[in-house]
C-alpha atoms as a PDB file:
ATOM      1  CA  MET A   1     110.670 135.756 134.270  1.00  0.00           C
ATOM      2  CA  THR A   2     109.049 132.708 135.934  1.00  0.00           C
ATOM      3  CA  ALA A   3     110.268 129.278 134.804  1.00  0.00           C
ATOM      4  CA  ARG A   4     107.763 126.735 133.699  1.00  0.00           C
ATOM      5  CA  ALA A   5     108.970 123.180 134.060  1.00  0.00           C
ATOM      6  CA  ALA A   6     107.556 119.733 133.159  1.00  0.00           C
ATOM      7  CA  VAL A   7     108.304 116.257 134.242  1.00  0.00           C
ATOM      8  CA  ILE A   8     107.338 113.636 131.687  1.00  0.00           C
ATOM      9  CA  THR A   9     105.613 110.566 133.070  1.00  0.00           C
ATOM     10  CA  PHE A  10     105.694 107.154 131.389  1.00  0.00           C
ATOM     11  CA  PRO A  11     103.992 103.895 132.356  1.00  0.00           C
ATOM     12  CA  GLY A  12     106.439 102.552 134.987  1.00  0.00           C
ATOM     13  CA  SER A  13     108.014 105.872 135.950  1.00  0.00           C
ATOM     14  CA  ASN A  14     108.730 106.062 139.713  1.00  0.00           C
ATOM     15  CA  GLY A  15     110.898 109.188 139.897  1.00  0.00           C
ATOM     16  CA  ASP A  16     108.343 111.531 138.335  1.00  0.00           C
ATOM     17  CA  HIS A  17     106.840 112.674 141.609  1.00  0.00           C
ATOM     18  CA  ASP A  18     110.291 112.994 143.154  1.00  0.00           C
ATOM     19  CA  ALA A  19     111.407 115.276 140.356  1.00  0.00           C
ATOM     20  CA  PHE A  20     108.116 117.241 140.555  1.00  0.00           C
ATOM     21  CA  SER A  21     108.598 117.781 144.347  1.00  0.00           C
ATOM     22  CA  ALA A  22     112.210 118.810 143.889  1.00  0.00           C
ATOM     23  CA  LEU A  23     111.272 121.519 141.334  1.00  0.00           C
ATOM     24  CA  ASN A  24     107.923 122.553 142.612  1.00  0.00           C
ATOM     25  CA  ASP A  25     108.250 122.218 146.372  1.00  0.00           C
ATOM     26  CA  ASN A  26     111.937 122.607 147.062  1.00  0.00           C
ATOM     27  CA  LEU A  27     112.802 125.202 144.398  1.00  0.00           C
ATOM     28  CA  GLY A  28     109.394 126.879 143.965  1.00  0.00           C
ATOM     29  CA  VAL A  29     109.360 126.328 140.188  1.00  0.00           C
ATOM     30  CA  ASP A  30     105.990 126.192 138.486  1.00  0.00           C
ATOM     31  CA  THR A  31     105.960 122.486 137.477  1.00  0.00           C
ATOM     32  CA  LYS A  32     103.539 120.050 135.888  1.00  0.00           C
ATOM     33  CA  LEU A  33     103.485 116.366 135.084  1.00  0.00           C
ATOM     34  CA  VAL A  34     103.173 115.680 131.309  1.00  0.00           C
ATOM     35  CA  ASP A  35     101.650 112.429 130.079  1.00  0.00           C
ATOM     36  CA  TYR A  36     103.713 110.306 127.662  1.00  0.00           C
ATOM     37  CA  ARG A  37     100.887 110.522 125.093  1.00  0.00           C
ATOM     38  CA  GLU A  38     101.124 114.328 124.705  1.00  0.00           C
ATOM     39  CA  THR A  39     102.411 115.603 121.393  1.00  0.00           C
ATOM     40  CA  THR A  40     103.460 119.171 122.372  1.00  0.00           C
ATOM     41  CA  LEU A  41     105.612 120.747 125.002  1.00  0.00           C
ATOM     42  CA  ASP A  42     104.910 124.328 124.084  1.00  0.00           C
ATOM     43  CA  GLY A  43     105.071 127.011 126.718  1.00  0.00           C
ATOM     44  CA  LEU A  44     107.670 125.227 128.779  1.00  0.00           C
ATOM     45  CA  ASP A  45     111.157 126.300 129.759  1.00  0.00           C
ATOM     46  CA  LEU A  46     112.799 123.044 130.978  1.00  0.00           C
ATOM     47  CA  ILE A  47     111.991 119.392 130.914  1.00  0.00           C
ATOM     48  CA  VAL A  48     112.935 116.520 133.145  1.00  0.00           C
ATOM     49  CA  VAL A  49     112.765 112.908 131.980  1.00  0.00           C
ATOM     50  CA  PRO A  50     112.602 110.991 135.228  1.00  0.00           C
ATOM     51  CA  GLY A  51     113.830 107.706 136.597  1.00  0.00           C
ATOM     52  CA  GLY A  52     111.912 104.478 136.952  1.00  0.00           C
ATOM     53  CA  PHE A  53     111.181 101.392 134.857  1.00  0.00           C
ATOM     54  CA  SER A  54     109.312 102.707 131.787  1.00  0.00           C
ATOM     55  CA  TYR A  55     107.221  99.984 130.203  1.00  0.00           C
ATOM     56  CA  GLY A  56     108.708  97.578 132.758  1.00  0.00           C
ATOM     57  CA  ASP A  57     112.171  97.836 131.035  1.00  0.00           C
ATOM     58  CA  HIS A  58     110.947  95.240 128.461  1.00  0.00           C
ATOM     59  CA  LEU A  59     113.319  94.694 125.538  1.00  0.00           C
ATOM     60  CA  ARG A  60     115.833  96.948 127.260  1.00  0.00           C
ATOM     61  CA  CYS A  61     115.696 100.087 129.425  1.00  0.00           C
ATOM     62  CA  GLY A  62     114.150 102.949 127.592  1.00  0.00           C
ATOM     63  CA  ALA A  63     113.685 101.030 124.281  1.00  0.00           C
ATOM     64  CA  ILE A  64     109.912 101.282 124.253  1.00  0.00           C
ATOM     65  CA  ALA A  65     109.601 104.657 125.871  1.00  0.00           C
ATOM     66  CA  ARG A  66     111.743 106.024 123.109  1.00  0.00           C
ATOM     67  CA  PHE A  67     108.723 105.648 120.730  1.00  0.00           C
ATOM     68  CA  ALA A  68     106.208 107.367 123.008  1.00  0.00           C
ATOM     69  CA  PRO A  69     104.521 110.366 121.255  1.00  0.00           C
ATOM     70  CA  VAL A  70     105.960 112.844 123.699  1.00  0.00           C
ATOM     71  CA  VAL A  71     109.534 112.006 122.730  1.00  0.00           C
ATOM     72  CA  THR A  72     109.091 113.564 119.286  1.00  0.00           C
ATOM     73  CA  ALA A  73     108.025 116.792 121.061  1.00  0.00           C
ATOM     74  CA  LEU A  74     110.979 116.396 123.392  1.00  0.00           C
ATOM     75  CA  ALA A  75     113.402 116.127 120.497  1.00  0.00           C
ATOM     76  CA  ASP A  76     111.906 119.277 119.014  1.00  0.00           C
ATOM     77  CA  PHE A  77     112.253 121.054 122.330  1.00  0.00           C
ATOM     78  CA  ALA A  78     115.864 119.952 122.669  1.00  0.00           C
ATOM     79  CA  GLY A  79     116.592 120.956 119.072  1.00  0.00           C
ATOM     80  CA  ARG A  80     115.475 124.493 119.959  1.00  0.00           C
ATOM     81  CA  GLY A  81     117.999 124.606 122.773  1.00  0.00           C
ATOM     82  CA  GLY A  82     115.513 123.848 125.606  1.00  0.00           C
ATOM     83  CA  PRO A  83     117.171 122.404 128.745  1.00  0.00           C
ATOM     84  CA  VAL A  84     116.490 118.709 129.091  1.00  0.00           C
ATOM     85  CA  LEU A  85     117.594 116.509 132.012  1.00  0.00           C
ATOM     86  CA  GLY A  86     117.350 112.738 131.836  1.00  0.00           C
ATOM     87  CA  ILE A  87     117.760 110.993 135.204  1.00  0.00           C
ATOM     88  CA  CYS A  88     118.497 107.272 135.453  1.00  0.00           C
ATOM     89  CA  ASN A  89     115.755 105.666 133.201  1.00  0.00           C
ATOM     90  CA  GLY A  90     115.434 109.145 131.637  1.00  0.00           C
ATOM     91  CA  PHE A  91     119.106 108.993 130.687  1.00  0.00           C
ATOM     92  CA  GLN A  92     118.490 105.560 129.162  1.00  0.00           C
ATOM     93  CA  ILE A  93     115.557 106.975 127.182  1.00  0.00           C
ATOM     94  CA  LEU A  94     117.671 109.843 125.939  1.00  0.00           C
ATOM     95  CA  THR A  95     120.386 107.519 124.579  1.00  0.00           C
ATOM     96  CA  GLU A  96     117.740 105.250 122.989  1.00  0.00           C
ATOM     97  CA  ALA A  97     116.215 108.335 121.239  1.00  0.00           C
ATOM     98  CA  HIS A  98     119.702 109.323 120.100  1.00  0.00           C
ATOM     99  CA  LEU A  99     119.506 112.640 121.931  1.00  0.00           C
ATOM    100  CA  LEU A 100     122.678 111.566 123.733  1.00  0.00           C
ATOM    101  CA  PRO A 101     125.497 109.313 122.521  1.00  0.00           C
ATOM    102  CA  GLY A 102     126.288 105.906 124.009  1.00  0.00           C
ATOM    103  CA  ALA A 103     124.271 103.391 125.916  1.00  0.00           C
ATOM    104  CA  LEU A 104     123.657 102.068 129.459  1.00  0.00           C
ATOM    105  CA  LEU A 105     124.509  98.427 130.156  1.00  0.00           C
ATOM    106  CA  ARG A 106     124.157  96.016 133.083  1.00  0.00           C
ATOM    107  CA  ASN A 107     126.228  96.976 136.104  1.00  0.00           C
ATOM    108  CA  LYS A 108     129.522  95.037 136.221  1.00  0.00           C
ATOM    109  CA  SER A 109     128.383  93.252 139.411  1.00  0.00           C
ATOM    110  CA  LEU A 110     125.156  92.222 137.627  1.00  0.00           C
ATOM    111  CA  GLN A 111     123.443  93.480 140.791  1.00  0.00           C
ATOM    112  CA  PHE A 112     121.066  96.424 141.490  1.00  0.00           C
ATOM    113  CA  HIS A 113     122.890  99.228 143.275  1.00  0.00           C
ATOM    114  CA  CYS A 114     120.979 101.522 145.688  1.00  0.00           C
ATOM    115  CA  GLU A 115     123.356 103.792 147.664  1.00  0.00           C
ATOM    116  CA  TRP A 116     124.810 107.241 147.940  1.00  0.00           C
ATOM    117  CA  VAL A 117     127.854 107.814 145.748  1.00  0.00           C
ATOM    118  CA  GLY A 118     130.416 110.547 144.997  1.00  0.00           C
ATOM    119  CA  VAL A 119     130.190 112.460 141.741  1.00  0.00           C
ATOM    120  CA  ARG A 120     132.615 115.061 140.360  1.00  0.00           C
ATOM    121  CA  VAL A 121     131.375 117.824 138.130  1.00  0.00           C
ATOM    122  CA  GLU A 122     133.607 117.839 135.105  1.00  0.00           C
ATOM    123  CA  THR A 123     132.272 120.949 133.319  1.00  0.00           C
ATOM    124  CA  ASN A 124     129.948 123.868 133.968  1.00  0.00           C
ATOM    125  CA  ARG A 125     129.387 124.463 130.265  1.00  0.00           C
ATOM    126  CA  THR A 126     125.973 122.862 130.249  1.00  0.00           C
ATOM    127  CA  ALA A 127     122.541 124.180 131.173  1.00  0.00           C
ATOM    128  CA  TRP A 128     122.455 121.826 134.176  1.00  0.00           C
ATOM    129  CA  THR A 129     125.893 122.665 135.665  1.00  0.00           C
ATOM    130  CA  SER A 130     126.218 126.300 134.745  1.00  0.00           C
ATOM    131  CA  GLY A 131     126.004 127.316 138.444  1.00  0.00           C
ATOM    132  CA  ILE A 132     128.542 124.728 139.657  1.00  0.00           C
ATOM    133  CA  VAL A 133     132.278 125.211 139.596  1.00  0.00           C
ATOM    134  CA  SER A 134     134.044 122.582 137.581  1.00  0.00           C
ATOM    135  CA  GLY A 135     135.671 120.029 139.868  1.00  0.00           C
ATOM    136  CA  SER A 136     133.030 120.355 142.551  1.00  0.00           C
ATOM    137  CA  LEU A 137     132.093 117.181 144.423  1.00  0.00           C
ATOM    138  CA  LEU A 138     128.419 116.174 144.820  1.00  0.00           C
ATOM    139  CA  ARG A 139     127.027 113.343 146.950  1.00  0.00           C
ATOM    140  CA  LEU A 140     123.958 111.758 145.207  1.00  0.00           C
ATOM    141  CA  PRO A 141     122.036 108.576 145.495  1.00  0.00           C
ATOM    142  CA  VAL A 142     121.870 105.877 142.769  1.00  0.00           C
ATOM    143  CA  ALA A 143     119.285 103.192 142.146  1.00  0.00           C
ATOM    144  CA  HIS A 144     119.866 101.179 139.034  1.00  0.00           C
ATOM    145  CA  GLY A 145     120.758  97.771 137.614  1.00  0.00           C
ATOM    146  CA  GLU A 146     121.673  98.898 134.153  1.00  0.00           C
ATOM    147  CA  GLY A 147     123.778 102.049 134.660  1.00  0.00           C
ATOM    148  CA  ALA A 148     127.157 101.234 133.222  1.00  0.00           C
ATOM    149  CA  TYR A 149     127.734 103.882 130.503  1.00  0.00           C
ATOM    150  CA  PHE A 150     129.193 102.479 127.302  1.00  0.00           C
ATOM    151  CA  ALA A 151     130.404 103.882 124.010  1.00  0.00           C
ATOM    152  CA  ASP A 152     133.036 102.831 121.582  1.00  0.00           C
ATOM    153  CA  ASP A 153     136.519 104.348 121.962  1.00  0.00           C
ATOM    154  CA  GLU A 154     136.061 106.806 119.075  1.00  0.00           C
ATOM    155  CA  THR A 155     132.799 108.106 120.660  1.00  0.00           C
ATOM    156  CA  LEU A 156     134.432 108.255 124.098  1.00  0.00           C
ATOM    157  CA  ASP A 157     137.416 110.229 122.754  1.00  0.00           C
ATOM    158  CA  ARG A 158     135.054 112.656 120.965  1.00  0.00           C
ATOM    159  CA  VAL A 159     132.832 113.290 123.972  1.00  0.00           C
ATOM    160  CA  GLU A 160     135.949 113.800 126.179  1.00  0.00           C
ATOM    161  CA  ALA A 161     137.481 116.182 123.680  1.00  0.00           C
ATOM    162  CA  ASN A 162     134.230 118.118 123.303  1.00  0.00           C
ATOM    163  CA  GLY A 163     133.788 118.491 127.071  1.00  0.00           C
ATOM    164  CA  GLN A 164     130.555 116.408 126.926  1.00  0.00           C
ATOM    165  CA  VAL A 165     131.508 114.333 130.044  1.00  0.00           C
ATOM    166  CA  VAL A 166     129.527 116.219 132.693  1.00  0.00           C
ATOM    167  CA  PHE A 167     129.770 113.956 135.719  1.00  0.00           C
ATOM    168  CA  ARG A 168     132.240 111.277 136.813  1.00  0.00           C
ATOM    169  CA  TYR A 169     132.101 108.858 139.703  1.00  0.00           C
ATOM    170  CA  CYS A 170     134.747 109.650 142.338  1.00  0.00           C
ATOM    171  CA  ASP A 171     135.775 108.893 145.893  1.00  0.00           C
ATOM    172  CA  PRO A 172     135.275 111.358 148.789  1.00  0.00           C
ATOM    173  CA  LYS A 173     138.536 113.070 147.847  1.00  0.00           C
ATOM    174  CA  GLY A 174     137.430 113.556 144.240  1.00  0.00           C
ATOM    175  CA  LYS A 175     139.673 110.841 142.802  1.00  0.00           C
ATOM    176  CA  SER A 176     138.346 108.572 140.001  1.00  0.00           C
ATOM    177  CA  ASN A 177     139.212 104.991 140.626  1.00  0.00           C
ATOM    178  CA  ALA A 178     137.865 101.411 140.171  1.00  0.00           C
ATOM    179  CA  LEU A 179     136.264 101.309 143.640  1.00  0.00           C
ATOM    180  CA  ALA A 180     134.376 104.576 143.017  1.00  0.00           C
ATOM    181  CA  ASN A 181     133.289 103.357 139.566  1.00  0.00           C
ATOM    182  CA  PHE A 182     130.960 100.812 141.156  1.00  0.00           C
ATOM    183  CA  ASN A 183     128.959 100.032 138.088  1.00  0.00           C
ATOM    184  CA  GLY A 184     131.780  99.705 135.597  1.00  0.00           C
ATOM    185  CA  SER A 185     130.994 102.747 133.420  1.00  0.00           C
ATOM    186  CA  ALA A 186     133.461 103.473 130.679  1.00  0.00           C
ATOM    187  CA  ARG A 187     135.993 105.975 132.070  1.00  0.00           C
ATOM    188  CA  GLY A 188     133.895 106.341 135.194  1.00  0.00           C
ATOM    189  CA  ILE A 189     131.279 108.388 133.330  1.00  0.00           C
ATOM    190  CA  ALA A 190     128.185 109.097 135.392  1.00  0.00           C
ATOM    191  CA  GLY A 191     126.625 111.666 133.059  1.00  0.00           C
ATOM    192  CA  ILE A 192     127.105 113.279 129.626  1.00  0.00           C
ATOM    193  CA  SER A 193     125.630 116.034 127.495  1.00  0.00           C
ATOM    194  CA  ASN A 194     125.020 116.661 123.884  1.00  0.00           C
ATOM    195  CA  GLU A 195     127.362 118.858 121.971  1.00  0.00           C
ATOM    196  CA  ARG A 196     125.252 121.968 122.617  1.00  0.00           C
ATOM    197  CA  GLY A 197     125.152 121.333 126.309  1.00  0.00           C
ATOM    198  CA  ASN A 198     121.366 121.777 126.774  1.00  0.00           C
ATOM    199  CA  VAL A 199     120.625 118.063 127.059  1.00  0.00           C
ATOM    200  CA  VAL A 200     122.188 116.207 129.993  1.00  0.00           C
ATOM    201  CA  GLY A 201     121.754 112.620 131.211  1.00  0.00           C
ATOM    202  CA  LEU A 202     123.047 111.030 134.421  1.00  0.00           C
ATOM    203  CA  MET A 203     122.511 107.895 136.361  1.00  0.00           C
ATOM    204  CA  PRO A 204     122.572 109.393 139.912  1.00  0.00           C
ATOM    205  CA  HIS A 205     119.402 111.005 141.227  1.00  0.00           C
ATOM    206  CA  PRO A 206     119.726 114.767 141.997  1.00  0.00           C
ATOM    207  CA  GLU A 207     115.998 114.963 142.589  1.00  0.00           C
ATOM    208  CA  ARG A 208     116.379 112.694 145.558  1.00  0.00           C
ATOM    209  CA  ALA A 209     119.008 114.960 147.071  1.00  0.00           C
ATOM    210  CA  CYS A 210     117.041 118.171 147.428  1.00  0.00           C
ATOM    211  CA  ASP A 211     115.994 118.008 151.047  1.00  0.00           C
ATOM    212  CA  SER A 212     118.159 117.442 154.118  1.00  0.00           C
ATOM    213  CA  LEU A 213     115.445 115.169 155.493  1.00  0.00           C
ATOM    214  CA  LEU A 214     116.235 112.790 152.629  1.00  0.00           C
ATOM    215  CA  GLY A 215     119.986 112.738 153.348  1.00  0.00           C
ATOM    216  CA  GLY A 216     121.467 115.571 151.246  1.00  0.00           C
ATOM    217  CA  VAL A 217     120.808 118.749 149.255  1.00  0.00           C
ATOM    218  CA  ASP A 218     123.624 118.588 146.582  1.00  0.00           C
ATOM    219  CA  GLY A 219     120.945 117.846 143.886  1.00  0.00           C
ATOM    220  CA  VAL A 220     119.503 121.301 144.304  1.00  0.00           C
ATOM    221  CA  ARG A 221     122.668 122.694 142.596  1.00  0.00           C
ATOM    222  CA  VAL A 222     121.861 120.784 139.435  1.00  0.00           C
ATOM    223  CA  PHE A 223     118.324 122.218 139.165  1.00  0.00           C
ATOM    224  CA  GLU A 224     119.379 125.720 140.246  1.00  0.00           C
ATOM    225  CA  SER A 225     121.933 125.633 137.390  1.00  0.00           C
ATOM    226  CA  ALA A 226     119.131 125.233 134.863  1.00  0.00           C
ATOM    227  CA  LEU A 227     117.511 128.263 136.311  1.00  0.00           C
ATOM    228  CA  VAL A 228     120.687 130.216 136.104  1.00  0.00           C
ATOM    229  CA  ALA A 229     120.999 129.133 132.475  1.00  0.00           C
ATOM    230  CA  LEU A 230     117.435 130.494 131.929  1.00  0.00           C
ATOM    231  CA  SER A 231     118.386 133.719 133.801  1.00  0.00           C
ATOM    232  CA  VAL A 232     115.677 133.002 136.331  1.00  0.00           C
ATOM    233  CA  ALA A 233     116.019 134.210 139.853  1.00  0.00           C
ATOM    234  CA  VAL A 234     115.806 131.307 142.327  1.00  0.00           C
END
């Protein structure tokens, strides 16, 4: 089986070509860019909703992109169990579309953060972490001003109990603490999944950590996991 991947491109996306390169060039996956006006995602095996500033982040991040025609097709794809990964702005879009619970708020510093951070993998029971041992540490870059994950206490308790917390900010020793949680995310959450585990959103950028020339390759493990979940030989 040969995987067929797509990266959705919105007006203002800037991580679409990074995601395309990570999948197509670094992992050899047959990948195409899909315009936000498309109404079908038939014939595809996995979808990436990339980072950037869709529609200039007007109203709030992801609020306008959520109504793009392709998002209806994306919801159908996710509903059929298709693997979907939302990265940064893509994570924001998935929460706005109610494909993931919670919301992303301004960083506690009220500043844009662009740096490499530590992330701990909390579960391998998702399509995008199936090939990673729980507790593994990843080093990934971030680039966001509104990345503080927020949900009410009831929702947070539920996603914790369901194992939907996928990634958590941590220090180099794997410890979660206030310093590592640079953006003020609730409970240090860097990424979550839906209950089924096929839809995952995270603020760090795995697609920008797929080549040693860019500073690291830990992001490869995230994309390889989706291929493992699809029983595709890498």
